[in-house]
PDB file of all heavy atoms in Angstrom:
ATOM      1  N   SER A   1      80.244 105.401  78.340  1.00  0.00           N
ATOM      2  CA  SER A   1      80.018 105.642  76.935  1.00  0.00           C
ATOM      3  C   SER A   1      79.194 106.872  76.646  1.00  0.00           C
ATOM      4  O   SER A   1      79.427 107.666  75.843  1.00  0.00           O
ATOM      5  CB  SER A   1      79.329 104.470  76.255  1.00  0.00           C
ATOM      6  OG  SER A   1      80.144 103.286  76.347  1.00  0.00           O
ATOM      7  N   PHE A   2      78.119 107.045  77.556  1.00  0.00           N
ATOM      8  CA  PHE A   2      77.174 108.162  77.237  1.00  0.00           C
ATOM      9  C   PHE A   2      77.141 109.214  78.350  1.00  0.00           C
ATOM     10  O   PHE A   2      76.683 110.349  77.964  1.00  0.00           O
ATOM     11  CB  PHE A   2      75.757 107.538  77.165  1.00  0.00           C
ATOM     12  CG  PHE A   2      75.634 106.577  75.953  1.00  0.00           C
ATOM     13  CD1 PHE A   2      75.615 105.155  76.187  1.00  0.00           C
ATOM     14  CD2 PHE A   2      75.511 107.112  74.722  1.00  0.00           C
ATOM     15  CE1 PHE A   2      75.528 104.318  75.222  1.00  0.00           C
ATOM     16  CE2 PHE A   2      75.314 106.109  73.636  1.00  0.00           C
ATOM     17  CZ  PHE A   2      75.404 104.833  73.898  1.00  0.00           C
ATOM     18  N   TYR A   3      77.604 109.031  79.556  1.00  0.00           N
ATOM     19  CA  TYR A   3      77.530 110.024  80.597  1.00  0.00           C
ATOM     20  C   TYR A   3      78.738 110.471  81.262  1.00  0.00           C
ATOM     21  O   TYR A   3      78.746 111.180  82.215  1.00  0.00           O
ATOM     22  CB  TYR A   3      76.525 109.422  81.702  1.00  0.00           C
ATOM     23  CG  TYR A   3      75.218 109.029  81.156  1.00  0.00           C
ATOM     24  CD1 TYR A   3      74.866 107.699  80.947  1.00  0.00           C
ATOM     25  CD2 TYR A   3      74.214 110.040  80.710  1.00  0.00           C
ATOM     26  CE1 TYR A   3      73.595 107.260  80.478  1.00  0.00           C
ATOM     27  CE2 TYR A   3      73.035 109.609  80.052  1.00  0.00           C
ATOM     28  CZ  TYR A   3      72.688 108.264  80.062  1.00  0.00           C
ATOM     29  OH  TYR A   3      71.530 107.983  79.463  1.00  0.00           O
ATOM     30  N   SER A   4      79.894 109.887  80.737  1.00  0.00           N
ATOM     31  CA  SER A   4      81.173 110.246  81.522  1.00  0.00           C
ATOM     32  C   SER A   4      81.508 111.720  81.303  1.00  0.00           C
ATOM     33  O   SER A   4      82.042 112.302  82.317  1.00  0.00           O
ATOM     34  CB  SER A   4      82.327 109.469  80.941  1.00  0.00           C
ATOM     35  OG  SER A   4      82.478 109.416  79.540  1.00  0.00           O
ATOM     36  N   SER A   5      81.178 112.341  80.248  1.00  0.00           N
ATOM     37  CA  SER A   5      81.366 113.776  80.026  1.00  0.00           C
ATOM     38  C   SER A   5      80.596 114.598  81.028  1.00  0.00           C
ATOM     39  O   SER A   5      81.193 115.531  81.651  1.00  0.00           O
ATOM     40  CB  SER A   5      80.994 114.195  78.546  1.00  0.00           C
ATOM     41  OG  SER A   5      81.899 113.619  77.655  1.00  0.00           O
ATOM     42  N   ASP A   6      79.379 114.224  81.239  1.00  0.00           N
ATOM     43  CA  ASP A   6      78.540 114.918  82.274  1.00  0.00           C
ATOM     44  C   ASP A   6      79.189 114.785  83.670  1.00  0.00           C
ATOM     45  O   ASP A   6      79.229 115.693  84.487  1.00  0.00           O
ATOM     46  CB  ASP A   6      77.081 114.411  82.268  1.00  0.00           C
ATOM     47  CG  ASP A   6      76.402 114.761  80.868  1.00  0.00           C
ATOM     48  OD1 ASP A   6      76.781 115.798  80.340  1.00  0.00           O
ATOM     49  OD2 ASP A   6      75.460 114.076  80.524  1.00  0.00           O
ATOM     50  N   ALA A   7      79.574 113.524  83.939  1.00  0.00           N
ATOM     51  CA  ALA A   7      80.200 113.251  85.172  1.00  0.00           C
ATOM     52  C   ALA A   7      81.401 114.077  85.470  1.00  0.00           C
ATOM     53  O   ALA A   7      81.664 114.603  86.593  1.00  0.00           O
ATOM     54  CB  ALA A   7      80.479 111.777  85.414  1.00  0.00           C
ATOM     55  N   LEU A   8      82.205 114.277  84.425  1.00  0.00           N
ATOM     56  CA  LEU A   8      83.464 115.051  84.499  1.00  0.00           C
ATOM     57  C   LEU A   8      83.223 116.474  84.855  1.00  0.00           C
ATOM     58  O   LEU A   8      83.792 117.211  85.611  1.00  0.00           O
ATOM     59  CB  LEU A   8      84.334 114.967  83.302  1.00  0.00           C
ATOM     60  CG  LEU A   8      85.036 113.529  83.064  1.00  0.00           C
ATOM     61  CD1 LEU A   8      85.581 113.490  81.665  1.00  0.00           C
ATOM     62  CD2 LEU A   8      86.139 113.345  84.111  1.00  0.00           C
ATOM     63  N   LYS A   9      82.120 117.041  84.144  1.00  0.00           N
ATOM     64  CA  LYS A   9      81.743 118.416  84.440  1.00  0.00           C
ATOM     65  C   LYS A   9      81.161 118.575  85.844  1.00  0.00           C
ATOM     66  O   LYS A   9      81.381 119.697  86.467  1.00  0.00           O
ATOM     67  CB  LYS A   9      80.660 118.797  83.390  1.00  0.00           C
ATOM     68  CG  LYS A   9      81.303 118.988  81.989  1.00  0.00           C
ATOM     69  CD  LYS A   9      80.223 119.338  80.912  1.00  0.00           C
ATOM     70  CE  LYS A   9      80.850 119.364  79.568  1.00  0.00           C
ATOM     71  NZ  LYS A   9      79.850 119.778  78.483  1.00  0.00           N
ATOM     72  N   ILE A  10      80.505 117.575  86.318  1.00  0.00           N
ATOM     73  CA  ILE A  10      80.065 117.763  87.701  1.00  0.00           C
ATOM     74  C   ILE A  10      81.168 117.682  88.614  1.00  0.00           C
ATOM     75  O   ILE A  10      81.174 118.396  89.687  1.00  0.00           O
ATOM     76  CB  ILE A  10      79.127 116.451  88.112  1.00  0.00           C
ATOM     77  CG1 ILE A  10      77.783 116.594  87.218  1.00  0.00           C
ATOM     78  CG2 ILE A  10      78.810 116.353  89.461  1.00  0.00           C
ATOM     79  CD1 ILE A  10      76.851 115.386  87.257  1.00  0.00           C
ATOM     80  N   LEU A  11      82.203 116.944  88.358  1.00  0.00           N
ATOM     81  CA  LEU A  11      83.405 116.906  89.177  1.00  0.00           C
ATOM     82  C   LEU A  11      84.057 118.271  89.181  1.00  0.00           C
ATOM     83  O   LEU A  11      84.571 118.804  90.157  1.00  0.00           O
ATOM     84  CB  LEU A  11      84.452 115.877  88.720  1.00  0.00           C
ATOM     85  CG  LEU A  11      84.031 114.371  89.020  1.00  0.00           C
ATOM     86  CD1 LEU A  11      85.065 113.502  88.377  1.00  0.00           C
ATOM     87  CD2 LEU A  11      84.031 114.124  90.533  1.00  0.00           C
ATOM     88  N   ASP A  12      84.051 118.956  88.010  1.00  0.00           N
ATOM     89  CA  ASP A  12      84.630 120.319  87.998  1.00  0.00           C
ATOM     90  C   ASP A  12      83.840 121.263  88.826  1.00  0.00           C
ATOM     91  O   ASP A  12      84.386 122.041  89.531  1.00  0.00           O
ATOM     92  CB  ASP A  12      84.584 120.782  86.420  1.00  0.00           C
ATOM     93  CG  ASP A  12      85.096 122.211  86.285  1.00  0.00           C
ATOM     94  OD1 ASP A  12      85.823 122.754  87.245  1.00  0.00           O
ATOM     95  OD2 ASP A  12      84.978 122.688  85.158  1.00  0.00           O
ATOM     96  N   ASN A  13      82.499 121.179  88.709  1.00  0.00           N
ATOM     97  CA  ASN A  13      81.667 122.084  89.575  1.00  0.00           C
ATOM     98  C   ASN A  13      81.833 121.801  91.035  1.00  0.00           C
ATOM     99  O   ASN A  13      81.772 122.715  91.838  1.00  0.00           O
ATOM    100  CB  ASN A  13      80.190 121.886  89.117  1.00  0.00           C
ATOM    101  CG  ASN A  13      79.858 122.389  87.698  1.00  0.00           C
ATOM    102  OD1 ASN A  13      80.559 123.288  87.255  1.00  0.00           O
ATOM    103  ND2 ASN A  13      78.891 121.762  87.094  1.00  0.00           N
ATOM    104  N   THR A  14      82.137 120.577  91.365  1.00  0.00           N
ATOM    105  CA  THR A  14      82.233 120.164  92.825  1.00  0.00           C
ATOM    106  C   THR A  14      83.529 120.608  93.372  1.00  0.00           C
ATOM    107  O   THR A  14      83.624 121.198  94.497  1.00  0.00           O
ATOM    108  CB  THR A  14      82.088 118.657  92.978  1.00  0.00           C
ATOM    109  OG1 THR A  14      80.806 118.262  92.405  1.00  0.00           O
ATOM    110  CG2 THR A  14      82.100 118.246  94.423  1.00  0.00           C
ATOM    111  N   PHE A  15      84.658 120.310  92.641  1.00  0.00           N
ATOM    112  CA  PHE A  15      85.994 120.657  93.158  1.00  0.00           C
ATOM    113  C   PHE A  15      86.661 121.767  92.452  1.00  0.00           C
ATOM    114  O   PHE A  15      87.841 122.095  92.849  1.00  0.00           O
ATOM    115  CB  PHE A  15      86.932 119.325  92.916  1.00  0.00           C
ATOM    116  CG  PHE A  15      86.345 118.132  93.573  1.00  0.00           C
ATOM    117  CD1 PHE A  15      85.657 117.087  92.861  1.00  0.00           C
ATOM    118  CD2 PHE A  15      86.545 117.975  94.953  1.00  0.00           C
ATOM    119  CE1 PHE A  15      85.190 115.915  93.496  1.00  0.00           C
ATOM    120  CE2 PHE A  15      86.092 116.883  95.614  1.00  0.00           C
ATOM    121  CZ  PHE A  15      85.359 115.849  94.933  1.00  0.00           C
ATOM    122  N   ASN A  16      85.979 122.457  91.585  1.00  0.00           N
ATOM    123  CA  ASN A  16      86.561 123.673  90.939  1.00  0.00           C
ATOM    124  C   ASN A  16      87.895 123.425  90.284  1.00  0.00           C
ATOM    125  O   ASN A  16      88.800 124.064  90.436  1.00  0.00           O
ATOM    126  CB  ASN A  16      86.657 124.899  91.937  1.00  0.00           C
ATOM    127  CG  ASN A  16      86.902 126.186  91.283  1.00  0.00           C
ATOM    128  OD1 ASN A  16      86.624 126.365  90.089  1.00  0.00           O
ATOM    129  ND2 ASN A  16      87.652 127.093  91.933  1.00  0.00           N
ATOM    130  N   LEU A  17      87.907 122.259  89.448  1.00  0.00           N
ATOM    131  CA  LEU A  17      88.991 121.981  88.686  1.00  0.00           C
ATOM    132  C   LEU A  17      88.702 121.948  87.175  1.00  0.00           C
ATOM    133  O   LEU A  17      88.120 121.001  86.696  1.00  0.00           O
ATOM    134  CB  LEU A  17      89.501 120.457  89.111  1.00  0.00           C
ATOM    135  CG  LEU A  17      90.026 120.395  90.519  1.00  0.00           C
ATOM    136  CD1 LEU A  17      90.341 118.937  90.836  1.00  0.00           C
ATOM    137  CD2 LEU A  17      91.389 121.218  90.580  1.00  0.00           C
ATOM    138  N   PRO A  18      89.054 123.016  86.461  1.00  0.00           N
ATOM    139  CA  PRO A  18      88.757 123.163  85.011  1.00  0.00           C
ATOM    140  C   PRO A  18      89.249 122.047  84.118  1.00  0.00           C
ATOM    141  O   PRO A  18      88.679 121.810  82.997  1.00  0.00           O
ATOM    142  CB  PRO A  18      89.307 124.501  84.636  1.00  0.00           C
ATOM    143  CG  PRO A  18      89.452 125.147  85.930  1.00  0.00           C
ATOM    144  CD  PRO A  18      89.784 124.226  87.035  1.00  0.00           C
ATOM    145  N   LEU A  19      90.206 121.293  84.639  1.00  0.00           N
ATOM    146  CA  LEU A  19      90.854 120.251  83.784  1.00  0.00           C
ATOM    147  C   LEU A  19      89.817 119.223  83.580  1.00  0.00           C
ATOM    148  O   LEU A  19      89.779 118.600  82.502  1.00  0.00           O
ATOM    149  CB  LEU A  19      92.022 119.616  84.603  1.00  0.00           C
ATOM    150  CG  LEU A  19      92.709 118.558  83.837  1.00  0.00           C
ATOM    151  CD1 LEU A  19      93.294 118.966  82.469  1.00  0.00           C
ATOM    152  CD2 LEU A  19      93.853 117.876  84.688  1.00  0.00           C
ATOM    153  N   PHE A  20      88.843 119.050  84.465  1.00  0.00           N
ATOM    154  CA  PHE A  20      87.780 118.007  84.323  1.00  0.00           C
ATOM    155  C   PHE A  20      86.923 118.476  83.002  1.00  0.00           C
ATOM    156  O   PHE A  20      86.520 117.618  82.286  1.00  0.00           O
ATOM    157  CB  PHE A  20      86.861 117.812  85.481  1.00  0.00           C
ATOM    158  CG  PHE A  20      87.509 117.134  86.579  1.00  0.00           C
ATOM    159  CD1 PHE A  20      87.824 117.659  87.872  1.00  0.00           C
ATOM    160  CD2 PHE A  20      87.990 115.748  86.366  1.00  0.00           C
ATOM    161  CE1 PHE A  20      88.497 116.971  88.907  1.00  0.00           C
ATOM    162  CE2 PHE A  20      88.546 115.014  87.399  1.00  0.00           C
ATOM    163  CZ  PHE A  20      88.813 115.621  88.612  1.00  0.00           C
ATOM    164  N   THR A  21      86.511 119.630  83.019  1.00  0.00           N
ATOM    165  CA  THR A  21      85.677 120.136  81.878  1.00  0.00           C
ATOM    166  C   THR A  21      86.447 120.027  80.609  1.00  0.00           C
ATOM    167  O   THR A  21      85.925 119.705  79.578  1.00  0.00           O
ATOM    168  CB  THR A  21      85.239 121.603  82.114  1.00  0.00           C
ATOM    169  OG1 THR A  21      84.307 121.639  83.272  1.00  0.00           O
ATOM    170  CG2 THR A  21      84.446 122.141  80.959  1.00  0.00           C
ATOM    171  N   ARG A  22      87.820 120.477  80.578  1.00  0.00           N
ATOM    172  CA  ARG A  22      88.603 120.332  79.473  1.00  0.00           C
ATOM    173  C   ARG A  22      88.621 118.936  78.893  1.00  0.00           C
ATOM    174  O   ARG A  22      88.665 118.595  77.758  1.00  0.00           O
ATOM    175  CB  ARG A  22      90.018 120.866  79.628  1.00  0.00           C
ATOM    176  CG  ARG A  22      90.087 122.308  79.955  1.00  0.00           C
ATOM    177  CD  ARG A  22      91.461 122.779  80.179  1.00  0.00           C
ATOM    178  NE  ARG A  22      92.412 122.517  79.048  1.00  0.00           N
ATOM    179  CZ  ARG A  22      93.754 122.545  79.214  1.00  0.00           C
ATOM    180  NH1 ARG A  22      94.384 122.858  80.295  1.00  0.00           N
ATOM    181  NH2 ARG A  22      94.559 122.248  78.154  1.00  0.00           N
ATOM    182  N   SER A  23      88.761 118.017  79.788  1.00  0.00           N
ATOM    183  CA  SER A  23      88.718 116.577  79.491  1.00  0.00           C
ATOM    184  C   SER A  23      87.426 116.095  78.879  1.00  0.00           C
ATOM    185  O   SER A  23      87.399 115.347  77.930  1.00  0.00           O
ATOM    186  CB  SER A  23      89.088 115.727  80.773  1.00  0.00           C
ATOM    187  OG  SER A  23      89.113 114.336  80.413  1.00  0.00           O
ATOM    188  N   ALA A  24      86.311 116.678  79.550  1.00  0.00           N
ATOM    189  CA  ALA A  24      85.011 116.359  79.108  1.00  0.00           C
ATOM    190  C   ALA A  24      84.637 116.785  77.693  1.00  0.00           C
ATOM    191  O   ALA A  24      83.983 116.233  76.845  1.00  0.00           O
ATOM    192  CB  ALA A  24      83.851 116.867  79.993  1.00  0.00           C
ATOM    193  N   ASP A  25      85.226 117.884  77.302  1.00  0.00           N
ATOM    194  CA  ASP A  25      84.998 118.566  76.015  1.00  0.00           C
ATOM    195  C   ASP A  25      85.546 117.746  74.861  1.00  0.00           C
ATOM    196  O   ASP A  25      85.194 117.925  73.713  1.00  0.00           O
ATOM    197  CB  ASP A  25      85.485 120.026  76.033  1.00  0.00           C
ATOM    198  CG  ASP A  25      84.684 120.926  76.895  1.00  0.00           C
ATOM    199  OD1 ASP A  25      83.518 120.608  77.154  1.00  0.00           O
ATOM    200  OD2 ASP A  25      85.141 122.080  77.186  1.00  0.00           O
ATOM    201  N   TYR A  26      86.603 116.955  75.130  1.00  0.00           N
ATOM    202  CA  TYR A  26      87.123 116.060  74.127  1.00  0.00           C
ATOM    203  C   TYR A  26      87.271 114.689  74.705  1.00  0.00           C
ATOM    204  O   TYR A  26      88.296 114.146  74.892  1.00  0.00           O
ATOM    205  CB  TYR A  26      88.500 116.698  73.599  1.00  0.00           C
ATOM    206  CG  TYR A  26      89.078 115.952  72.469  1.00  0.00           C
ATOM    207  CD1 TYR A  26      88.262 115.773  71.201  1.00  0.00           C
ATOM    208  CD2 TYR A  26      90.290 115.402  72.497  1.00  0.00           C
ATOM    209  CE1 TYR A  26      88.864 115.217  70.071  1.00  0.00           C
ATOM    210  CE2 TYR A  26      90.858 114.710  71.438  1.00  0.00           C
ATOM    211  CZ  TYR A  26      90.118 114.635  70.146  1.00  0.00           C
ATOM    212  OH  TYR A  26      90.654 114.030  69.028  1.00  0.00           O
ATOM    213  N   ASN A  27      86.160 114.161  75.102  1.00  0.00           N
ATOM    214  CA  ASN A  27      86.201 112.851  75.899  1.00  0.00           C
ATOM    215  C   ASN A  27      86.100 111.597  75.020  1.00  0.00           C
ATOM    216  O   ASN A  27      84.953 111.243  74.778  1.00  0.00           O
ATOM    217  CB  ASN A  27      85.048 112.932  76.894  1.00  0.00           C
ATOM    218  CG  ASN A  27      85.020 111.617  77.783  1.00  0.00           C
ATOM    219  OD1 ASN A  27      86.014 110.931  77.860  1.00  0.00           O
ATOM    220  ND2 ASN A  27      83.735 111.381  78.190  1.00  0.00           N
ATOM    221  N   TYR A  28      87.186 111.160  74.489  1.00  0.00           N
ATOM    222  CA  TYR A  28      87.128 109.930  73.811  1.00  0.00           C
ATOM    223  C   TYR A  28      87.715 108.706  74.554  1.00  0.00           C
ATOM    224  O   TYR A  28      87.435 107.611  74.393  1.00  0.00           O
ATOM    225  CB  TYR A  28      87.946 110.093  72.476  1.00  0.00           C
ATOM    226  CG  TYR A  28      89.396 110.234  72.671  1.00  0.00           C
ATOM    227  CD1 TYR A  28      90.341 109.125  72.613  1.00  0.00           C
ATOM    228  CD2 TYR A  28      89.995 111.466  72.879  1.00  0.00           C
ATOM    229  CE1 TYR A  28      91.697 109.278  72.822  1.00  0.00           C
ATOM    230  CE2 TYR A  28      91.406 111.677  73.065  1.00  0.00           C
ATOM    231  CZ  TYR A  28      92.273 110.608  72.981  1.00  0.00           C
ATOM    232  OH  TYR A  28      93.594 110.717  73.156  1.00  0.00           O
TER     233      TYR A  28
END
């Protein structure tokens, strides 16, 4: 509920997959 967006951005930084950040920016 509160930290999944941050976790997705960490995954992007770790694996260099921008899709994670795009998902985090509209994470419902």
